[in-house]
Amino acid sequence: IFLECTSVTTDSRNCPEGSLFIALK
């Protein structure tokens, strides 16, 4: 799944198209 995505983000204010969001606490 990671390889399908364009990038990884942990900031919901910056979610590029096709990214993988990781919900950190």
PDB file of all heavy atoms in Angstrom:
ATOM      1  N   ILE A   1       0.844  -1.203   0.000  1.00  0.00           N
ATOM      2  CA  ILE A   1       0.000   0.000   0.000  1.00  0.00           C
ATOM      3  C   ILE A   1       0.873   1.245   0.000  1.00  0.00           C
ATOM      4  O   ILE A   1       0.633   2.199  -0.743  1.00  0.00           O
ATOM      5  CB  ILE A   1      -0.969  -0.012   1.201  1.00  0.00           C
ATOM      6  CG1 ILE A   1      -2.007  -1.115   1.009  1.00  0.00           C
ATOM      7  CG2 ILE A   1      -1.621   1.347   1.407  1.00  0.00           C
ATOM      8  CD1 ILE A   1      -2.875  -1.384   2.214  1.00  0.00           C
ATOM      9  N   PHE A   2       1.922   1.254   0.822  1.00  0.00           N
ATOM     10  CA  PHE A   2       2.868   2.366   0.874  1.00  0.00           C
ATOM     11  C   PHE A   2       3.438   2.649  -0.516  1.00  0.00           C
ATOM     12  O   PHE A   2       3.544   3.812  -0.934  1.00  0.00           O
ATOM     13  CB  PHE A   2       3.981   2.042   1.878  1.00  0.00           C
ATOM     14  CG  PHE A   2       5.215   2.868   1.735  1.00  0.00           C
ATOM     15  CD1 PHE A   2       5.255   4.172   2.211  1.00  0.00           C
ATOM     16  CD2 PHE A   2       6.344   2.346   1.121  1.00  0.00           C
ATOM     17  CE1 PHE A   2       6.409   4.935   2.078  1.00  0.00           C
ATOM     18  CE2 PHE A   2       7.495   3.096   0.987  1.00  0.00           C
ATOM     19  CZ  PHE A   2       7.526   4.398   1.463  1.00  0.00           C
ATOM     20  N   LEU A   3       3.820   1.613  -1.239  1.00  0.00           N
ATOM     21  CA  LEU A   3       4.409   1.791  -2.561  1.00  0.00           C
ATOM     22  C   LEU A   3       3.419   2.369  -3.573  1.00  0.00           C
ATOM     23  O   LEU A   3       3.834   3.020  -4.540  1.00  0.00           O
ATOM     24  CB  LEU A   3       4.977   0.465  -3.078  1.00  0.00           C
ATOM     25  CG  LEU A   3       6.205  -0.057  -2.335  1.00  0.00           C
ATOM     26  CD1 LEU A   3       6.595  -1.433  -2.877  1.00  0.00           C
ATOM     27  CD2 LEU A   3       7.369   0.913  -2.426  1.00  0.00           C
ATOM     28  N   GLU A   4       2.123   2.148  -3.363  1.00  0.00           N
ATOM     29  CA  GLU A   4       1.097   2.717  -4.242  1.00  0.00           C
ATOM     30  C   GLU A   4       0.945   4.226  -4.021  1.00  0.00           C
ATOM     31  O   GLU A   4       0.445   4.921  -4.890  1.00  0.00           O
ATOM     32  CB  GLU A   4      -0.264   2.078  -3.960  1.00  0.00           C
ATOM     33  CG  GLU A   4      -0.402   0.640  -4.328  1.00  0.00           C
ATOM     34  CD  GLU A   4      -1.745   0.080  -3.860  1.00  0.00           C
ATOM     35  OE1 GLU A   4      -2.668   0.867  -3.585  1.00  0.00           O
ATOM     36  OE2 GLU A   4      -1.853  -1.146  -3.773  1.00  0.00           O
ATOM     37  N   CYS A   5       1.330   4.705  -2.856  1.00  0.00           N
ATOM     38  CA  CYS A   5       1.094   6.097  -2.477  1.00  0.00           C
ATOM     39  C   CYS A   5       2.226   7.005  -2.961  1.00  0.00           C
ATOM     40  O   CYS A   5       3.354   6.567  -3.145  1.00  0.00           O
ATOM     41  CB  CYS A   5       0.936   6.207  -0.963  1.00  0.00           C
ATOM     42  SG  CYS A   5      -0.525   5.331  -0.370  1.00  0.00           S
ATOM     43  N   THR A   6       1.900   8.269  -3.132  1.00  0.00           N
ATOM     44  CA  THR A   6       2.859   9.249  -3.633  1.00  0.00           C
ATOM     45  C   THR A   6       3.761   9.794  -2.536  1.00  0.00           C
ATOM     46  O   THR A   6       4.870  10.239  -2.810  1.00  0.00           O
ATOM     47  CB  THR A   6       2.124  10.430  -4.282  1.00  0.00           C
ATOM     48  OG1 THR A   6       1.236  11.005  -3.308  1.00  0.00           O
ATOM     49  CG2 THR A   6       1.334   9.984  -5.500  1.00  0.00           C
ATOM     50  N   SER A   7       3.290   9.783  -1.297  1.00  0.00           N
ATOM     51  CA  SER A   7       4.058  10.305  -0.165  1.00  0.00           C
ATOM     52  C   SER A   7       3.406   9.846   1.133  1.00  0.00           C
ATOM     53  O   SER A   7       2.340   9.234   1.116  1.00  0.00           O
ATOM     54  CB  SER A   7       4.118  11.837  -0.209  1.00  0.00           C
ATOM     55  OG  SER A   7       2.814  12.380  -0.115  1.00  0.00           O
ATOM     56  N   VAL A   8       4.057  10.167   2.238  1.00  0.00           N
ATOM     57  CA  VAL A   8       3.523   9.860   3.568  1.00  0.00           C
ATOM     58  C   VAL A   8       3.383  11.179   4.316  1.00  0.00           C
ATOM     59  O   VAL A   8       4.259  12.039   4.235  1.00  0.00           O
ATOM     60  CB  VAL A   8       4.463   8.919   4.347  1.00  0.00           C
ATOM     61  CG1 VAL A   8       3.977   8.716   5.770  1.00  0.00           C
ATOM     62  CG2 VAL A   8       4.587   7.583   3.623  1.00  0.00           C
ATOM     63  N   THR A   9       2.278  11.341   5.030  1.00  0.00           N
ATOM     64  CA  THR A   9       2.074  12.547   5.817  1.00  0.00           C
ATOM     65  C   THR A   9       1.479  12.206   7.175  1.00  0.00           C
ATOM     66  O   THR A   9       0.766  11.217   7.312  1.00  0.00           O
ATOM     67  CB  THR A   9       1.167  13.559   5.074  1.00  0.00           C
ATOM     68  OG1 THR A   9       1.060  14.753   5.852  1.00  0.00           O
ATOM     69  CG2 THR A   9      -0.211  12.995   4.811  1.00  0.00           C
ATOM     70  N   THR A  10       1.818  13.026   8.157  1.00  0.00           N
ATOM     71  CA  THR A  10       1.216  12.897   9.483  1.00  0.00           C
ATOM     72  C   THR A  10       0.438  14.160   9.830  1.00  0.00           C
ATOM     73  O   THR A  10      -0.053  14.297  10.938  1.00  0.00           O
ATOM     74  CB  THR A  10       2.297  12.655  10.565  1.00  0.00           C
ATOM     75  OG1 THR A  10       3.219  13.751  10.560  1.00  0.00           O
ATOM     76  CG2 THR A  10       3.036  11.347  10.299  1.00  0.00           C
ATOM     77  N   ASP A  11       0.338  15.064   8.872  1.00  0.00           N
ATOM     78  CA  ASP A  11      -0.332  16.350   9.076  1.00  0.00           C
ATOM     79  C   ASP A  11      -1.565  16.412   8.177  1.00  0.00           C
ATOM     80  O   ASP A  11      -1.439  16.503   6.955  1.00  0.00           O
ATOM     81  CB  ASP A  11       0.631  17.489   8.753  1.00  0.00           C
ATOM     82  CG  ASP A  11       0.064  18.863   9.052  1.00  0.00           C
ATOM     83  OD1 ASP A  11      -1.159  18.988   9.292  1.00  0.00           O
ATOM     84  OD2 ASP A  11       0.849  19.827   9.040  1.00  0.00           O
ATOM     85  N   SER A  12      -2.744  16.384   8.774  1.00  0.00           N
ATOM     86  CA  SER A  12      -3.982  16.387   7.979  1.00  0.00           C
ATOM     87  C   SER A  12      -4.182  17.696   7.222  1.00  0.00           C
ATOM     88  O   SER A  12      -5.011  17.772   6.327  1.00  0.00           O
ATOM     89  CB  SER A  12      -5.191  16.118   8.879  1.00  0.00           C
ATOM     90  OG  SER A  12      -5.335  17.156   9.831  1.00  0.00           O
ATOM     91  N   ARG A  13      -3.417  18.729   7.552  1.00  0.00           N
ATOM     92  CA  ARG A  13      -3.509  20.004   6.828  1.00  0.00           C
ATOM     93  C   ARG A  13      -2.679  19.986   5.558  1.00  0.00           C
ATOM     94  O   ARG A  13      -2.766  20.895   4.740  1.00  0.00           O
ATOM     95  CB  ARG A  13      -3.044  21.156   7.733  1.00  0.00           C
ATOM     96  CG  ARG A  13      -3.917  21.322   8.972  1.00  0.00           C
ATOM     97  CD  ARG A  13      -3.266  22.220   9.970  1.00  0.00           C
ATOM     98  NE  ARG A  13      -2.021  21.580  10.418  1.00  0.00           N
ATOM     99  CZ  ARG A  13      -1.174  22.104  11.288  1.00  0.00           C
ATOM    100  NH1 ARG A  13      -1.419  23.284  11.804  1.00  0.00           N
ATOM    101  NH2 ARG A  13      -0.087  21.457  11.644  1.00  0.00           N
ATOM    102  N   ASN A  14      -1.864  18.939   5.391  1.00  0.00           N
ATOM    103  CA  ASN A  14      -1.012  18.817   4.213  1.00  0.00           C
ATOM    104  C   ASN A  14      -1.061  17.377   3.719  1.00  0.00           C
ATOM    105  O   ASN A  14      -0.218  16.560   4.067  1.00  0.00           O
ATOM    106  CB  ASN A  14       0.426  19.218   4.557  1.00  0.00           C
ATOM    107  CG  ASN A  14       1.346  19.108   3.362  1.00  0.00           C
ATOM    108  OD1 ASN A  14       0.909  19.119   2.219  1.00  0.00           O
ATOM    109  ND2 ASN A  14       2.635  18.975   3.628  1.00  0.00           N
ATOM    110  N   CYS A  15      -2.079  17.081   2.921  1.00  0.00           N
ATOM    111  CA  CYS A  15      -2.282  15.729   2.396  1.00  0.00           C
ATOM    112  C   CYS A  15      -2.261  15.762   0.871  1.00  0.00           C
ATOM    113  O   CYS A  15      -3.301  15.934   0.231  1.00  0.00           O
ATOM    114  CB  CYS A  15      -3.615  15.165   2.888  1.00  0.00           C
ATOM    115  SG  CYS A  15      -3.667  14.929   4.655  1.00  0.00           S
ATOM    116  N   PRO A  16      -1.075  15.614   0.280  1.00  0.00           N
ATOM    117  CA  PRO A  16      -1.001  15.598  -1.177  1.00  0.00           C
ATOM    118  C   PRO A  16      -1.851  14.477  -1.770  1.00  0.00           C
ATOM    119  O   PRO A  16      -2.060  13.440  -1.133  1.00  0.00           O
ATOM    120  CB  PRO A  16       0.480  15.364  -1.454  1.00  0.00           C
ATOM    121  CG  PRO A  16       1.180  15.772  -0.208  1.00  0.00           C
ATOM    122  CD  PRO A  16       0.225  15.470   0.912  1.00  0.00           C
ATOM    123  N   GLU A  17      -2.310  14.682  -2.957  1.00  0.00           N
ATOM    124  CA  GLU A  17      -3.109  13.687  -3.665  1.00  0.00           C
ATOM    125  C   GLU A  17      -2.349  12.368  -3.717  1.00  0.00           C
ATOM    126  O   GLU A  17      -1.173  12.329  -4.084  1.00  0.00           O
ATOM    127  CB  GLU A  17      -3.409  14.178  -5.094  1.00  0.00           C
ATOM    128  CG  GLU A  17      -4.513  13.433  -5.781  1.00  0.00           C
ATOM    129  CD  GLU A  17      -5.873  13.662  -5.128  1.00  0.00           C
ATOM    130  OE1 GLU A  17      -6.152  14.771  -4.657  1.00  0.00           O
ATOM    131  OE2 GLU A  17      -6.666  12.699  -5.117  1.00  0.00           O
ATOM    132  N   GLY A  18      -3.001  11.295  -3.306  1.00  0.00           N
ATOM    133  CA  GLY A  18      -2.410   9.973  -3.364  1.00  0.00           C
ATOM    134  C   GLY A  18      -1.513   9.615  -2.186  1.00  0.00           C
ATOM    135  O   GLY A  18      -0.854   8.584  -2.203  1.00  0.00           O
ATOM    136  N   SER A  19      -1.499  10.446  -1.157  1.00  0.00           N
ATOM    137  CA  SER A  19      -0.608  10.219  -0.015  1.00  0.00           C
ATOM    138  C   SER A  19      -1.164   9.179   0.958  1.00  0.00           C
ATOM    139  O   SER A  19      -2.326   8.780   0.878  1.00  0.00           O
ATOM    140  CB  SER A  19      -0.355  11.533   0.723  1.00  0.00           C
ATOM    141  OG  SER A  19      -1.564  12.060   1.252  1.00  0.00           O
ATOM    142  N   LEU A  20      -0.314   8.768   1.884  1.00  0.00           N
ATOM    143  CA  LEU A  20      -0.666   7.857   2.966  1.00  0.00           C
ATOM    144  C   LEU A  20      -0.622   8.672   4.252  1.00  0.00           C
ATOM    145  O   LEU A  20       0.423   9.200   4.618  1.00  0.00           O
ATOM    146  CB  LEU A  20       0.326   6.698   3.037  1.00  0.00           C
ATOM    147  CG  LEU A  20       0.215   5.735   4.214  1.00  0.00           C
ATOM    148  CD1 LEU A  20      -1.125   5.003   4.195  1.00  0.00           C
ATOM    149  CD2 LEU A  20       1.372   4.741   4.197  1.00  0.00           C
ATOM    150  N   PHE A  21      -1.762   8.810   4.926  1.00  0.00           N
ATOM    151  CA  PHE A  21      -1.848   9.567   6.173  1.00  0.00           C
ATOM    152  C   PHE A  21      -1.669   8.621   7.346  1.00  0.00           C
ATOM    153  O   PHE A  21      -2.300   7.569   7.412  1.00  0.00           O
ATOM    154  CB  PHE A  21      -3.203  10.276   6.283  1.00  0.00           C
ATOM    155  CG  PHE A  21      -3.417  10.972   7.599  1.00  0.00           C
ATOM    156  CD1 PHE A  21      -2.750  12.147   7.889  1.00  0.00           C
ATOM    157  CD2 PHE A  21      -4.274  10.439   8.550  1.00  0.00           C
ATOM    158  CE1 PHE A  21      -2.938  12.795   9.106  1.00  0.00           C
ATOM    159  CE2 PHE A  21      -4.480  11.072   9.768  1.00  0.00           C
ATOM    160  CZ  PHE A  21      -3.810  12.247  10.045  1.00  0.00           C
ATOM    161  N   ILE A  22      -0.795   8.989   8.284  1.00  0.00           N
ATOM    162  CA  ILE A  22      -0.591   8.193   9.494  1.00  0.00           C
ATOM    163  C   ILE A  22      -1.006   9.047  10.681  1.00  0.00           C
ATOM    164  O   ILE A  22      -0.456  10.121  10.913  1.00  0.00           O
ATOM    165  CB  ILE A  22       0.862   7.716   9.625  1.00  0.00           C
ATOM    166  CG1 ILE A  22       1.244   6.890   8.390  1.00  0.00           C
ATOM    167  CG2 ILE A  22       1.041   6.901  10.902  1.00  0.00           C
ATOM    168  CD1 ILE A  22       2.664   6.414   8.350  1.00  0.00           C
ATOM    169  N   ALA A  23      -1.994   8.582  11.413  1.00  0.00           N
ATOM    170  CA  ALA A  23      -2.626   9.343  12.492  1.00  0.00           C
ATOM    171  C   ALA A  23      -1.847   9.210  13.800  1.00  0.00           C
ATOM    172  O   ALA A  23      -2.155   8.364  14.632  1.00  0.00           O
ATOM    173  CB  ALA A  23      -4.068   8.868  12.680  1.00  0.00           C
ATOM    174  N   LEU A  24      -0.844  10.053  13.965  1.00  0.00           N
ATOM    175  CA  LEU A  24      -0.063  10.026  15.196  1.00  0.00           C
ATOM    176  C   LEU A  24      -0.783  10.781  16.304  1.00  0.00           C
ATOM    177  O   LEU A  24      -1.607  11.650  16.046  1.00  0.00           O
ATOM    178  CB  LEU A  24       1.316  10.652  14.950  1.00  0.00           C
ATOM    179  CG  LEU A  24       2.200   9.926  13.944  1.00  0.00           C
ATOM    180  CD1 LEU A  24       3.529  10.664  13.793  1.00  0.00           C
ATOM    181  CD2 LEU A  24       2.440   8.482  14.369  1.00  0.00           C
ATOM    182  N   LYS A  25      -0.429  10.436  17.540  1.00  0.00           N
ATOM    183  CA  LYS A  25      -1.008  11.111  18.710  1.00  0.00           C
ATOM    184  C   LYS A  25       0.108  11.807  19.474  1.00  0.00           C
ATOM    185  O   LYS A  25       1.233  11.320  19.518  1.00  0.00           O
ATOM    186  CB  LYS A  25      -1.687  10.110  19.644  1.00  0.00           C
ATOM    187  CG  LYS A  25      -2.942   9.509  19.093  1.00  0.00           C
ATOM    188  CD  LYS A  25      -3.697   8.708  20.124  1.00  0.00           C
ATOM    189  CE  LYS A  25      -3.029   7.393  20.398  1.00  0.00           C
ATOM    190  NZ  LYS A  25      -3.823   6.487  21.218  1.00  0.00           N
TER     191      LYS A  25
END
